[in-house]
Amino acid sequence: MTAFTWAVLHRAHEALRSAVDGVPADAWGRPTPCDRWNVGQVLRHAAGDQLAYAARLTGGSGPAEDPFAPSATLPGAPAELLAPALDAAAEAFAGVAPGTIEVAVPLPPFAVPAETAVGAAALDAAVHAWDIAVATGRPSPLTPALAAALRPTAEALAEPLRGFARAAALVPAPDPAADPVGSLLAHLGRRPDWTPPRA
């Protein structure tokens, strides 16, 4: 069987991995741009989402908990939670050929073209990488180039997914050409200028 490489998914996974690896040990309980979720919950949600994408593609088991109701504590080392989820998603998407007309995804509309399906998993990972990084006072791993690559997926899927969002409603967005990251985040309902609340 041919294994397909999806560069945008790899870049998004690396962004999430680097964001998680840089979280200080005492920062997992900090608030995030995702309303009502702390840093640890965003990680559990992001890992669960990647497992859900993999399960839809392979028919395997999905996440152990509802990604939209993540536990407030981590079960162990963060990397041990994240790595298997990223590996499962990457392996599942390696079996998806570019140009495939219908690929199963775990959220509405549940079947989309291959590029949109891969983009959805990548978008999820990259934006949650931003959530975790800014919540812990670190530089964002969501680069302008990655944000621009993810923009078509966001435009295709944002409206059907609004009911699942943990962020505020859509806010006025910066110009995508001038600020790809800020524009993407705003399109997804996040405030690009979000900062952690003062203690």
Protein backbone atom coordinates (compact mmCIF):
# COMPACT_ATOMS: atom_id res chain seq x y z
CA MET A 1 0.00 0.00 0.00
CA THR A 2 1.26 3.48 -0.84
CA ALA A 3 1.88 5.81 2.10
CA PHE A 4 1.04 9.43 1.35
CA THR A 5 2.84 12.33 2.99
CA TRP A 6 0.72 15.30 4.03
CA ALA A 7 3.11 18.18 4.74
CA VAL A 8 0.48 20.44 6.30
CA LEU A 9 -0.48 17.77 8.83
CA HIS A 10 3.17 17.15 9.71
CA ARG A 11 3.76 20.87 10.26
CA ALA A 12 0.65 21.20 12.42
CA HIS A 13 1.56 18.16 14.47
CA GLU A 14 5.05 19.54 15.03
CA ALA A 15 3.52 22.85 16.14
CA LEU A 16 1.35 21.07 18.70
CA ARG A 17 4.20 18.86 19.86
CA SER A 18 6.49 21.86 20.40
CA ALA A 19 3.77 23.79 22.24
CA VAL A 20 3.15 20.88 24.60
CA ASP A 21 6.84 20.16 25.14
CA GLY A 22 7.40 23.74 26.26
CA VAL A 23 4.69 23.92 28.92
CA PRO A 24 6.14 24.47 32.41
CA ALA A 25 5.21 21.76 34.90
CA ASP A 26 3.12 24.19 36.96
CA ALA A 27 1.19 25.63 33.99
CA TRP A 28 -1.27 22.86 33.12
CA GLY A 29 -4.03 24.44 35.19
CA ARG A 30 -3.77 27.88 33.58
CA PRO A 31 -6.71 29.38 31.65
CA THR A 32 -6.67 29.37 27.86
CA PRO A 33 -8.41 31.12 24.96
CA CYS A 34 -10.83 28.15 24.98
CA ASP A 35 -13.51 29.30 27.40
CA ARG A 36 -13.78 27.12 30.54
CA TRP A 37 -10.80 24.93 29.62
CA ASN A 38 -7.36 24.97 31.20
CA VAL A 39 -4.13 24.07 29.41
CA GLY A 40 -4.37 20.41 30.37
CA GLN A 41 -7.93 20.19 29.08
CA VAL A 42 -6.93 21.73 25.76
CA LEU A 43 -4.21 19.09 25.46
CA ARG A 44 -6.65 16.29 26.27
CA HIS A 45 -9.14 17.71 23.77
CA ALA A 46 -6.50 18.10 21.04
CA ALA A 47 -5.18 14.57 21.55
CA GLY A 48 -8.72 13.20 21.58
CA ASP A 49 -9.54 14.97 18.34
CA GLN A 50 -6.55 13.40 16.57
CA LEU A 51 -7.63 9.97 17.81
CA ALA A 52 -11.16 10.67 16.56
CA TYR A 53 -9.86 11.51 13.07
CA ALA A 54 -7.81 8.32 13.06
CA ALA A 55 -10.75 6.22 14.23
CA ARG A 56 -13.06 7.56 11.51
CA LEU A 57 -10.50 6.61 8.88
CA THR A 58 -9.53 3.20 10.20
CA GLY A 59 -12.62 2.00 12.04
CA GLY A 60 -10.49 1.63 15.17
CA SER A 61 -11.31 2.77 18.66
CA GLY A 62 -11.52 6.50 19.25
CA PRO A 63 -10.63 8.60 22.27
CA ALA A 64 -11.34 7.20 25.73
CA GLU A 65 -13.23 10.34 26.74
CA ASP A 66 -15.39 12.88 24.94
CA PRO A 67 -12.94 15.43 23.49
CA PHE A 68 -15.55 18.13 24.11
CA ALA A 69 -15.73 17.32 27.83
CA PRO A 70 -12.06 16.75 28.71
CA SER A 71 -11.01 15.94 32.26
CA ALA A 72 -9.34 18.75 34.19
CA THR A 73 -6.28 16.69 35.12
CA LEU A 74 -3.69 14.85 33.06
CA PRO A 75 -3.39 11.07 33.45
CA GLY A 76 0.41 11.09 33.16
CA ALA A 77 3.21 12.67 31.19
CA PRO A 78 1.82 15.08 28.56
CA ALA A 79 4.03 13.70 25.79
CA GLU A 80 2.79 10.18 26.51
CA LEU A 81 -0.78 11.39 26.00
CA LEU A 82 -0.05 13.34 22.83
CA ALA A 83 2.44 11.22 20.90
CA PRO A 84 0.21 8.16 20.32
CA ALA A 85 -2.63 10.42 19.15
CA LEU A 86 -0.46 12.26 16.64
CA ASP A 87 1.06 9.00 15.43
CA ALA A 88 -2.38 7.43 14.98
CA ALA A 89 -3.67 10.37 12.94
CA ALA A 90 -0.54 10.59 10.79
CA GLU A 91 -0.64 6.86 10.09
CA ALA A 92 -4.35 6.95 9.25
CA PHE A 93 -3.98 9.89 6.86
CA ALA A 94 -0.97 8.23 5.21
CA GLY A 95 -3.52 5.85 3.72
CA VAL A 96 -5.57 8.66 2.16
CA ALA A 97 -4.67 9.50 -1.43
CA PRO A 98 -4.71 13.13 -2.56
CA GLY A 99 -7.80 13.85 -4.63
CA THR A 100 -10.01 11.32 -2.85
CA ILE A 101 -13.51 12.74 -3.16
CA GLU A 102 -14.98 11.57 0.15
CA VAL A 103 -12.98 11.01 3.33
CA ALA A 104 -14.67 10.33 6.66
CA VAL A 105 -14.20 12.91 9.42
CA PRO A 106 -15.60 12.93 12.98
CA LEU A 107 -17.45 16.27 12.74
CA PRO A 108 -20.01 17.79 10.38
CA PRO A 109 -20.37 17.31 7.46
CA PHE A 110 -18.73 13.90 8.23
CA ALA A 111 -17.38 13.30 4.69
CA VAL A 112 -15.20 15.79 2.81
CA PRO A 113 -12.51 15.76 0.09
CA ALA A 114 -9.10 14.45 1.15
CA GLU A 115 -7.41 17.83 1.28
CA THR A 116 -10.17 19.22 3.50
CA ALA A 117 -10.08 16.19 5.80
CA VAL A 118 -6.33 16.46 6.28
CA GLY A 119 -6.67 20.20 6.66
CA ALA A 120 -9.29 19.75 9.37
CA ALA A 121 -7.01 17.56 11.48
CA ALA A 122 -4.12 19.93 10.86
CA LEU A 123 -6.23 22.99 11.68
CA ASP A 124 -7.31 21.45 14.96
CA ALA A 125 -3.72 20.65 15.97
CA ALA A 126 -2.27 23.99 14.90
CA VAL A 127 -4.88 26.20 16.54
CA HIS A 128 -4.69 24.26 19.80
CA ALA A 129 -0.91 24.65 19.63
CA TRP A 130 -1.55 28.40 19.59
CA ASP A 131 -3.99 28.08 22.51
CA ILE A 132 -1.43 26.26 24.63
CA ALA A 133 1.48 28.52 23.72
CA VAL A 134 -0.26 31.82 24.42
CA ALA A 135 -1.82 30.48 27.62
CA THR A 136 1.65 29.73 28.93
CA GLY A 137 3.25 32.97 27.77
CA ARG A 138 5.30 31.51 24.96
CA PRO A 139 5.70 32.36 21.27
CA SER A 140 3.08 30.91 18.97
CA PRO A 141 4.13 27.93 16.83
CA LEU A 142 1.30 28.79 14.40
CA THR A 143 3.31 30.52 11.68
CA PRO A 144 1.93 32.82 8.97
CA ALA A 145 2.76 30.18 6.34
CA LEU A 146 0.93 27.44 8.22
CA ALA A 147 -2.04 29.73 8.90
CA ALA A 148 -2.27 30.61 5.20
CA ALA A 149 -2.16 26.91 4.27
CA LEU A 150 -4.99 26.17 6.70
CA ARG A 151 -7.21 29.07 5.68
CA PRO A 152 -9.10 27.22 2.88
CA THR A 153 -10.07 24.47 5.32
CA ALA A 154 -11.21 27.01 7.90
CA GLU A 155 -13.39 28.72 5.32
CA ALA A 156 -14.89 25.39 4.24
CA LEU A 157 -15.60 24.03 7.71
CA ALA A 158 -15.92 26.84 10.24
CA GLU A 159 -19.66 27.36 9.92
CA PRO A 160 -20.68 23.69 10.33
CA LEU A 161 -18.40 23.48 13.38
CA ARG A 162 -19.53 26.60 15.22
CA GLY A 163 -21.69 24.55 17.56
CA PHE A 164 -18.64 22.63 18.70
CA ALA A 165 -16.50 25.74 19.35
CA ARG A 166 -15.19 26.50 22.80
CA ALA A 167 -14.23 30.00 21.72
CA ALA A 168 -16.36 33.10 21.46
CA ALA A 169 -18.42 33.93 18.38
CA LEU A 170 -16.70 35.17 15.25
CA VAL A 171 -14.96 38.51 15.82
CA PRO A 172 -13.93 41.13 13.24
CA ALA A 173 -10.96 39.61 11.45
CA PRO A 174 -7.69 41.21 10.34
CA ASP A 175 -6.82 41.20 6.65
CA PRO A 176 -5.62 37.67 5.77
CA ALA A 177 -2.88 39.03 3.51
CA ALA A 178 -1.49 41.31 6.21
CA ASP A 179 -1.97 38.99 9.20
CA PRO A 180 -2.65 35.36 8.23
CA VAL A 181 -2.44 34.10 11.81
CA GLY A 182 -4.69 36.76 13.32
CA SER A 183 -7.17 36.46 10.49
CA LEU A 184 -7.38 32.67 10.84
CA LEU A 185 -7.82 32.84 14.61
CA ALA A 186 -10.53 35.48 14.34
CA HIS A 187 -12.33 33.49 11.65
CA LEU A 188 -12.43 30.59 14.10
CA GLY A 189 -13.85 32.79 16.84
CA ARG A 190 -10.66 33.47 18.78
CA ARG A 191 -9.26 36.82 19.82
CA PRO A 192 -5.81 37.05 18.23
CA ASP A 193 -4.72 39.49 20.96
CA TRP A 194 -5.75 37.16 23.82
CA THR A 195 -3.45 37.18 26.82
CA PRO A 196 -3.69 35.24 30.08
CA PRO A 197 -5.64 37.01 32.83
CA ARG A 198 -3.57 38.64 35.53
CA ALA A 199 -3.22 36.52 38.64
